[in-house]
C-alpha atoms as a PDB file:
ATOM      1  CA  MET A   1     -15.556 -17.646  -6.476  1.00  0.00           C
ATOM      2  CA  GLU A   2     -17.898 -20.258  -5.112  1.00  0.00           C
ATOM      3  CA  THR A   3     -19.002 -19.287  -1.539  1.00  0.00           C
ATOM      4  CA  SER A   4     -17.197 -22.521   0.007  1.00  0.00           C
ATOM      5  CA  SER A   5     -14.061 -21.120  -1.681  1.00  0.00           C
ATOM      6  CA  VAL A   6     -14.535 -17.383  -0.203  1.00  0.00           C
ATOM      7  CA  VAL A   7     -15.574 -19.148   3.701  1.00  0.00           C
ATOM      8  CA  ARG A   8     -11.785 -21.293   3.193  1.00  0.00           C
ATOM      9  CA  LEU A   9     -10.104 -18.011   2.015  1.00  0.00           C
ATOM     10  CA  ALA A  10     -10.499 -16.003   4.722  1.00  0.00           C
ATOM     11  CA  ALA A  11     -10.026 -18.442   7.319  1.00  0.00           C
ATOM     12  CA  ALA A  12      -7.366 -18.806   5.795  1.00  0.00           C
ATOM     13  CA  CYS A  13      -6.562 -15.246   6.177  1.00  0.00           C
ATOM     14  CA  CYS A  14      -7.480 -15.230   9.880  1.00  0.00           C
ATOM     15  CA  LEU A  15      -5.579 -17.724  10.728  1.00  0.00           C
ATOM     16  CA  THR A  16      -2.693 -16.208   8.606  1.00  0.00           C
ATOM     17  CA  ILE A  17      -3.540 -12.235  10.594  1.00  0.00           C
ATOM     18  CA  ALA A  18      -3.236 -14.386  14.137  1.00  0.00           C
ATOM     19  CA  CYS A  19       0.413 -15.755  12.923  1.00  0.00           C
ATOM     20  CA  LEU A  20       1.235 -12.586  11.789  1.00  0.00           C
ATOM     21  CA  LEU A  21       0.291 -10.996  15.245  1.00  0.00           C
ATOM     22  CA  PRO A  22       3.509 -10.832  18.475  1.00  0.00           C
ATOM     23  CA  PRO A  23       2.966 -12.598  21.465  1.00  0.00           C
ATOM     24  CA  ALA A  24       2.939 -10.560  24.517  1.00  0.00           C
ATOM     25  CA  ALA A  25       6.570 -11.698  25.572  1.00  0.00           C
ATOM     26  CA  ALA A  26       8.037 -11.527  21.872  1.00  0.00           C
ATOM     27  CA  ALA A  27      10.979  -9.256  20.787  1.00  0.00           C
ATOM     28  CA  GLN A  28      10.320  -5.767  20.042  1.00  0.00           C
ATOM     29  CA  THR A  29      10.384  -6.333  16.540  1.00  0.00           C
ATOM     30  CA  PRO A  30       6.883  -8.331  15.340  1.00  0.00           C
ATOM     31  CA  ARG A  31       6.676 -10.702  13.034  1.00  0.00           C
ATOM     32  CA  LEU A  32       5.440  -8.883   9.499  1.00  0.00           C
ATOM     33  CA  GLY A  33       4.988 -11.345   6.609  1.00  0.00           C
ATOM     34  CA  THR A  34       6.731 -10.899   3.849  1.00  0.00           C
ATOM     35  CA  ILE A  35       6.572  -9.410   0.503  1.00  0.00           C
ATOM     36  CA  ASP A  36       8.457  -8.639  -2.880  1.00  0.00           C
ATOM     37  CA  PHE A  37       9.100  -5.114  -3.325  1.00  0.00           C
ATOM     38  CA  PRO A  38      12.713  -4.401  -5.652  1.00  0.00           C
ATOM     39  CA  THR A  39      13.093  -0.838  -5.631  1.00  0.00           C
ATOM     40  CA  SER A  40      16.794   1.602  -7.089  1.00  0.00           C
ATOM     41  CA  GLY A  41      16.854   2.638  -3.112  1.00  0.00           C
ATOM     42  CA  GLY A  42      20.583   2.472  -1.453  1.00  0.00           C
ATOM     43  CA  SER A  43      21.340  -0.970   0.549  1.00  0.00           C
ATOM     44  CA  ALA A  44      21.191   0.984   3.406  1.00  0.00           C
ATOM     45  CA  ALA A  45      17.631   1.870   2.831  1.00  0.00           C
ATOM     46  CA  GLN A  46      15.913  -0.832   2.066  1.00  0.00           C
ATOM     47  CA  PRO A  47      15.276  -2.797   4.843  1.00  0.00           C
ATOM     48  CA  HIS A  48      13.816   0.687   6.596  1.00  0.00           C
ATOM     49  CA  PHE A  49      11.345   1.029   3.495  1.00  0.00           C
ATOM     50  CA  LEU A  50      10.353  -3.006   3.357  1.00  0.00           C
ATOM     51  CA  ARG A  51       9.587  -2.669   6.959  1.00  0.00           C
ATOM     52  CA  GLY A  52       7.950   0.882   5.846  1.00  0.00           C
ATOM     53  CA  VAL A  53       5.736  -1.298   3.452  1.00  0.00           C
ATOM     54  CA  LEU A  54       4.710  -4.182   5.956  1.00  0.00           C
ATOM     55  CA  TYR A  55       3.857  -1.476   7.907  1.00  0.00           C
ATOM     56  CA  LEU A  56       1.146  -0.244   5.766  1.00  0.00           C
ATOM     57  CA  HIS A  57      -0.384  -3.368   5.092  1.00  0.00           C
ATOM     58  CA  SER A  58      -0.572  -4.397   8.747  1.00  0.00           C
ATOM     59  CA  PHE A  59      -2.567  -0.685   8.513  1.00  0.00           C
ATOM     60  CA  GLU A  60       0.153   0.548  11.263  1.00  0.00           C
ATOM     61  CA  TYR A  61       0.781   4.139   9.911  1.00  0.00           C
ATOM     62  CA  ASP A  62       3.087   5.609  12.512  1.00  0.00           C
ATOM     63  CA  ALA A  63       5.574   2.809  12.080  1.00  0.00           C
ATOM     64  CA  ALA A  64       5.355   2.774   9.026  1.00  0.00           C
ATOM     65  CA  LEU A  65       6.048   6.795   8.926  1.00  0.00           C
ATOM     66  CA  ALA A  66       9.398   6.447  11.055  1.00  0.00           C
ATOM     67  CA  ALA A  67      10.236   3.531   9.076  1.00  0.00           C
ATOM     68  CA  PHE A  68      10.140   5.955   5.583  1.00  0.00           C
ATOM     69  CA  ARG A  69      11.567   8.189   7.188  1.00  0.00           C
ATOM     70  CA  GLN A  70      14.436   6.329   8.098  1.00  0.00           C
ATOM     71  CA  ALA A  71      15.275   5.128   4.148  1.00  0.00           C
ATOM     72  CA  GLN A  72      15.294   9.094   3.482  1.00  0.00           C
ATOM     73  CA  GLN A  73      17.676  10.129   6.085  1.00  0.00           C
ATOM     74  CA  ALA A  74      19.741   6.567   4.641  1.00  0.00           C
ATOM     75  CA  ASP A  75      19.459   7.710   1.180  1.00  0.00           C
ATOM     76  CA  PRO A  76      17.617  11.052   0.357  1.00  0.00           C
ATOM     77  CA  GLY A  77      16.872  10.757  -2.897  1.00  0.00           C
ATOM     78  CA  PHE A  78      14.909   7.514  -2.870  1.00  0.00           C
ATOM     79  CA  VAL A  79      12.298   8.370  -4.121  1.00  0.00           C
ATOM     80  CA  MET A  80      10.544   5.417  -3.208  1.00  0.00           C
ATOM     81  CA  ALA A  81      11.074   6.409   0.717  1.00  0.00           C
ATOM     82  CA  TYR A  82       8.491   9.974  -0.222  1.00  0.00           C
ATOM     83  CA  TRP A  83       5.955   7.990  -1.940  1.00  0.00           C
ATOM     84  CA  GLY A  84       5.972   5.446   1.280  1.00  0.00           C
ATOM     85  CA  ASP A  85       5.852   8.520   3.955  1.00  0.00           C
ATOM     86  CA  ALA A  86       2.518  10.481   1.522  1.00  0.00           C
ATOM     87  CA  MET A  87       1.048   7.567   1.785  1.00  0.00           C
ATOM     88  CA  THR A  88       0.523   6.443   5.070  1.00  0.00           C
ATOM     89  CA  TRP A  89      -1.695   9.691   5.049  1.00  0.00           C
ATOM     90  CA  THR A  90      -4.181   8.356   3.638  1.00  0.00           C
ATOM     91  CA  HIS A  91      -6.418   5.110   5.591  1.00  0.00           C
ATOM     92  CA  PRO A  92      -8.459   3.636   2.777  1.00  0.00           C
ATOM     93  CA  VAL A  93     -10.379   1.545   5.080  1.00  0.00           C
ATOM     94  CA  TRP A  94     -11.274   4.096   7.828  1.00  0.00           C
ATOM     95  CA  ASN A  95     -11.354   7.057   4.994  1.00  0.00           C
ATOM     96  CA  GLN A  96      -9.078   9.429   6.340  1.00  0.00           C
ATOM     97  CA  GLN A  97      -6.683  11.280   4.964  1.00  0.00           C
ATOM     98  CA  ASN A  98      -4.165  14.406   5.687  1.00  0.00           C
ATOM     99  CA  ALA A  99      -3.457  15.788   1.958  1.00  0.00           C
ATOM    100  CA  ASP A 100      -1.078  18.242   3.648  1.00  0.00           C
ATOM    101  CA  SER A 101       0.914  16.208   5.480  1.00  0.00           C
ATOM    102  CA  ALA A 102       1.414  13.955   2.650  1.00  0.00           C
ATOM    103  CA  ARG A 103       1.830  16.862  -0.194  1.00  0.00           C
ATOM    104  CA  ALA A 104       4.707  18.410   2.050  1.00  0.00           C
ATOM    105  CA  ALA A 105       6.212  14.963   2.272  1.00  0.00           C
ATOM    106  CA  LEU A 106       6.350  15.143  -1.191  1.00  0.00           C
ATOM    107  CA  ALA A 107       7.930  18.405  -1.234  1.00  0.00           C
ATOM    108  CA  ARG A 108      10.460  17.325   0.074  1.00  0.00           C
ATOM    109  CA  LEU A 109      11.838  15.072  -2.691  1.00  0.00           C
ATOM    110  CA  ALA A 110      11.086  18.138  -4.669  1.00  0.00           C
ATOM    111  CA  PRO A 111       9.381  21.205  -5.074  1.00  0.00           C
ATOM    112  CA  THR A 112       7.046  20.082  -7.900  1.00  0.00           C
ATOM    113  CA  ARG A 113       5.232  17.244  -9.622  1.00  0.00           C
ATOM    114  CA  ALA A 114       6.988  17.028 -12.703  1.00  0.00           C
ATOM    115  CA  ALA A 115      10.403  17.895 -10.758  1.00  0.00           C
ATOM    116  CA  ARG A 116      10.290  14.087  -8.557  1.00  0.00           C
ATOM    117  CA  LEU A 117       9.208  12.329 -11.543  1.00  0.00           C
ATOM    118  CA  ALA A 118      12.304  13.111 -13.405  1.00  0.00           C
ATOM    119  CA  ARG A 119      13.691  11.829 -10.179  1.00  0.00           C
ATOM    120  CA  ALA A 120      12.436   8.123 -10.734  1.00  0.00           C
ATOM    121  CA  ALA A 121      14.552   5.964 -11.148  1.00  0.00           C
ATOM    122  CA  THR A 122      12.893   3.075 -13.875  1.00  0.00           C
ATOM    123  CA  PRO A 123       9.333   3.684 -15.232  1.00  0.00           C
ATOM    124  CA  ARG A 124       7.964   1.205 -12.583  1.00  0.00           C
ATOM    125  CA  GLU A 125       8.745   3.916  -9.605  1.00  0.00           C
ATOM    126  CA  ARG A 126       7.779   6.658 -11.600  1.00  0.00           C
ATOM    127  CA  ALA A 127       4.196   4.581 -12.374  1.00  0.00           C
ATOM    128  CA  TRP A 128       4.426   4.448  -8.735  1.00  0.00           C
ATOM    129  CA  LEU A 129       5.245   8.353  -8.112  1.00  0.00           C
ATOM    130  CA  ASP A 130       2.790   9.451 -10.350  1.00  0.00           C
ATOM    131  CA  ALA A 131      -0.093   7.211  -9.090  1.00  0.00           C
ATOM    132  CA  VAL A 132       0.639   9.179  -5.581  1.00  0.00           C
ATOM    133  CA  GLU A 133       0.372  12.430  -6.752  1.00  0.00           C
ATOM    134  CA  THR A 134      -2.939  11.986  -7.887  1.00  0.00           C
ATOM    135  CA  LEU A 135      -4.286  10.554  -5.211  1.00  0.00           C
ATOM    136  CA  TYR A 136      -2.852  14.172  -3.299  1.00  0.00           C
ATOM    137  CA  GLY A 137      -3.294  16.428  -6.840  1.00  0.00           C
ATOM    138  CA  GLU A 138      -6.313  18.576  -7.199  1.00  0.00           C
ATOM    139  CA  GLY A 139      -9.812  18.014  -6.895  1.00  0.00           C
ATOM    140  CA  SER A 140     -11.891  16.554  -3.703  1.00  0.00           C
ATOM    141  CA  LYS A 141     -10.922  14.363  -1.673  1.00  0.00           C
ATOM    142  CA  PRO A 142     -13.384  11.372  -3.877  1.00  0.00           C
ATOM    143  CA  ARG A 143     -12.678  12.830  -7.024  1.00  0.00           C
ATOM    144  CA  ARG A 144      -8.879  11.575  -6.492  1.00  0.00           C
ATOM    145  CA  ASP A 145      -9.252   8.404  -4.158  1.00  0.00           C
ATOM    146  CA  THR A 146     -10.920   7.311  -7.788  1.00  0.00           C
ATOM    147  CA  LEU A 147      -8.453   8.723  -9.961  1.00  0.00           C
ATOM    148  CA  TYR A 148      -5.784   6.950  -7.544  1.00  0.00           C
ATOM    149  CA  SER A 149      -7.626   3.749  -8.330  1.00  0.00           C
ATOM    150  CA  SER A 150      -7.825   4.333 -11.735  1.00  0.00           C
ATOM    151  CA  ALA A 151      -4.153   4.989 -11.601  1.00  0.00           C
ATOM    152  CA  MET A 152      -3.557   1.699  -9.566  1.00  0.00           C
ATOM    153  CA  MET A 153      -5.732  -0.659 -11.828  1.00  0.00           C
ATOM    154  CA  LYS A 154      -3.604   0.731 -14.396  1.00  0.00           C
ATOM    155  CA  MET A 155      -0.216  -0.105 -12.678  1.00  0.00           C
ATOM    156  CA  VAL A 156      -2.076  -3.554 -12.648  1.00  0.00           C
ATOM    157  CA  GLU A 157      -2.487  -3.758 -15.995  1.00  0.00           C
ATOM    158  CA  ASP A 158       0.959  -2.452 -17.146  1.00  0.00           C
ATOM    159  CA  PHE A 159       2.904  -4.481 -14.299  1.00  0.00           C
ATOM    160  CA  PRO A 160       0.874  -7.799 -14.158  1.00  0.00           C
ATOM    161  CA  ASP A 161       3.336  -9.707 -12.229  1.00  0.00           C
ATOM    162  CA  ASP A 162       3.617  -6.738  -9.661  1.00  0.00           C
ATOM    163  CA  LEU A 163       2.365  -8.395  -6.222  1.00  0.00           C
ATOM    164  CA  GLU A 164       1.815  -5.288  -4.477  1.00  0.00           C
ATOM    165  CA  ALA A 165       0.621  -3.420  -7.209  1.00  0.00           C
ATOM    166  CA  ARG A 166      -2.360  -5.006  -6.955  1.00  0.00           C
ATOM    167  CA  SER A 167      -1.889  -5.615  -3.523  1.00  0.00           C
ATOM    168  CA  PHE A 168      -2.359  -1.113  -3.536  1.00  0.00           C
ATOM    169  CA  ALA A 169      -4.817  -1.544  -6.505  1.00  0.00           C
ATOM    170  CA  ALA A 170      -7.335  -2.890  -3.954  1.00  0.00           C
ATOM    171  CA  LEU A 171      -7.207  -1.893  -1.204  1.00  0.00           C
ATOM    172  CA  SER A 172      -8.005   1.604  -3.153  1.00  0.00           C
ATOM    173  CA  LEU A 173     -10.581  -0.424  -4.036  1.00  0.00           C
ATOM    174  CA  LEU A 174     -12.243  -0.033  -0.544  1.00  0.00           C
ATOM    175  CA  GLY A 175     -11.816   4.104  -0.112  1.00  0.00           C
ATOM    176  CA  LEU A 176     -13.878   4.651  -3.132  1.00  0.00           C
ATOM    177  CA  ASN A 177     -16.732   5.004  -1.110  1.00  0.00           C
ATOM    178  CA  GLN A 178     -15.673   7.000   1.299  1.00  0.00           C
ATOM    179  CA  ALA A 179     -16.618   4.589   3.748  1.00  0.00           C
ATOM    180  CA  VAL A 180     -19.669   3.413   2.773  1.00  0.00           C
ATOM    181  CA  ARG A 181     -19.692  -0.187   1.857  1.00  0.00           C
ATOM    182  CA  ASP A 182     -20.206  -1.094  -1.503  1.00  0.00           C
ATOM    183  CA  VAL A 183     -20.398  -4.538  -2.197  1.00  0.00           C
ATOM    184  CA  ALA A 184     -19.468  -4.967  -5.195  1.00  0.00           C
ATOM    185  CA  ALA A 185     -16.732  -2.596  -5.527  1.00  0.00           C
ATOM    186  CA  TYR A 186     -15.461  -5.239  -2.119  1.00  0.00           C
ATOM    187  CA  MET A 187     -16.011  -8.210  -4.000  1.00  0.00           C
ATOM    188  CA  ARG A 188     -13.784  -6.431  -6.683  1.00  0.00           C
ATOM    189  CA  ALA A 189     -10.866  -6.094  -4.540  1.00  0.00           C
ATOM    190  CA  ALA A 190     -11.108  -9.541  -2.845  1.00  0.00           C
ATOM    191  CA  ALA A 191     -11.033 -11.039  -6.704  1.00  0.00           C
ATOM    192  CA  LEU A 192      -7.940  -8.729  -7.973  1.00  0.00           C
ATOM    193  CA  VAL A 193      -6.180  -9.261  -3.935  1.00  0.00           C
ATOM    194  CA  ALA A 194      -7.180 -13.535  -3.954  1.00  0.00           C
ATOM    195  CA  PRO A 195      -4.161 -14.259  -6.498  1.00  0.00           C
ATOM    196  CA  VAL A 196      -1.551 -12.504  -4.110  1.00  0.00           C
ATOM    197  CA  PHE A 197      -2.468 -14.643  -0.815  1.00  0.00           C
ATOM    198  CA  GLU A 198      -2.231 -17.647  -2.842  1.00  0.00           C
ATOM    199  CA  ARG A 199       1.145 -17.091  -4.547  1.00  0.00           C
ATOM    200  CA  ASN A 200       1.637 -15.749  -1.133  1.00  0.00           C
ATOM    201  CA  PRO A 201       0.022 -16.748   2.352  1.00  0.00           C
ATOM    202  CA  ASP A 202       2.745 -14.481   4.140  1.00  0.00           C
ATOM    203  CA  HIS A 203       1.595 -11.193   2.559  1.00  0.00           C
ATOM    204  CA  PRO A 204       0.195  -9.555   5.523  1.00  0.00           C
ATOM    205  CA  GLY A 205      -1.331  -6.746   2.963  1.00  0.00           C
ATOM    206  CA  ALA A 206      -3.834  -9.576   0.709  1.00  0.00           C
ATOM    207  CA  ALA A 207      -4.517 -11.198   3.890  1.00  0.00           C
ATOM    208  CA  HIS A 208      -6.148  -7.803   5.518  1.00  0.00           C
ATOM    209  CA  ILE A 209      -7.636  -6.897   2.194  1.00  0.00           C
ATOM    210  CA  LEU A 210      -9.559 -10.073   1.906  1.00  0.00           C
ATOM    211  CA  ILE A 211     -10.941 -10.017   5.584  1.00  0.00           C
ATOM    212  CA  HIS A 212     -12.104  -6.622   4.917  1.00  0.00           C
ATOM    213  CA  ALA A 213     -13.746  -7.771   1.781  1.00  0.00           C
ATOM    214  CA  PHE A 214     -15.661 -10.562   3.477  1.00  0.00           C
ATOM    215  CA  ASP A 215     -16.158  -8.927   6.987  1.00  0.00           C
END
């Protein structure tokens, strides 16, 4: 990507983030952006799930957790609500991870990895769940982060039109170096998520990742 294009894209991302932030006198529910993330969850759980993902993209992890827990209450068998719960316990940009809390969240769905994967309603949801199972599997955090990123890149290959897979794969690249900025990895993340921002400038995850990549 040419330097001038990078500058224009970064500026557009900053403007998008500014527009997403609620004014001081705004209503209690902030404008979080827009995403397309179809799942098999019940209709009562869907709004909570989508709000949780939007908060994840904004790095508002406590708010995301609350939304995913609401989705679980609305549909206790909704696999992706537990995926989201587990995802709130890893913060790649800040090199923070609470694997025990994430594993406890997954255990509420079913006691074993095999049992949880068996509950996935579609191949795509199984891939999402399998990736987060890898993130909190065996081994050191650097190893698990690397294996998770590889799983997400495989999702991008298997589901090329899934903008959410592309966004979370890009975010995983930012966390590979354990809070040490690696320019090559950050540029890979930017190249991966730039098409998401181009297709949906209102996507908060794409905007945030691009800003961190170019910062």
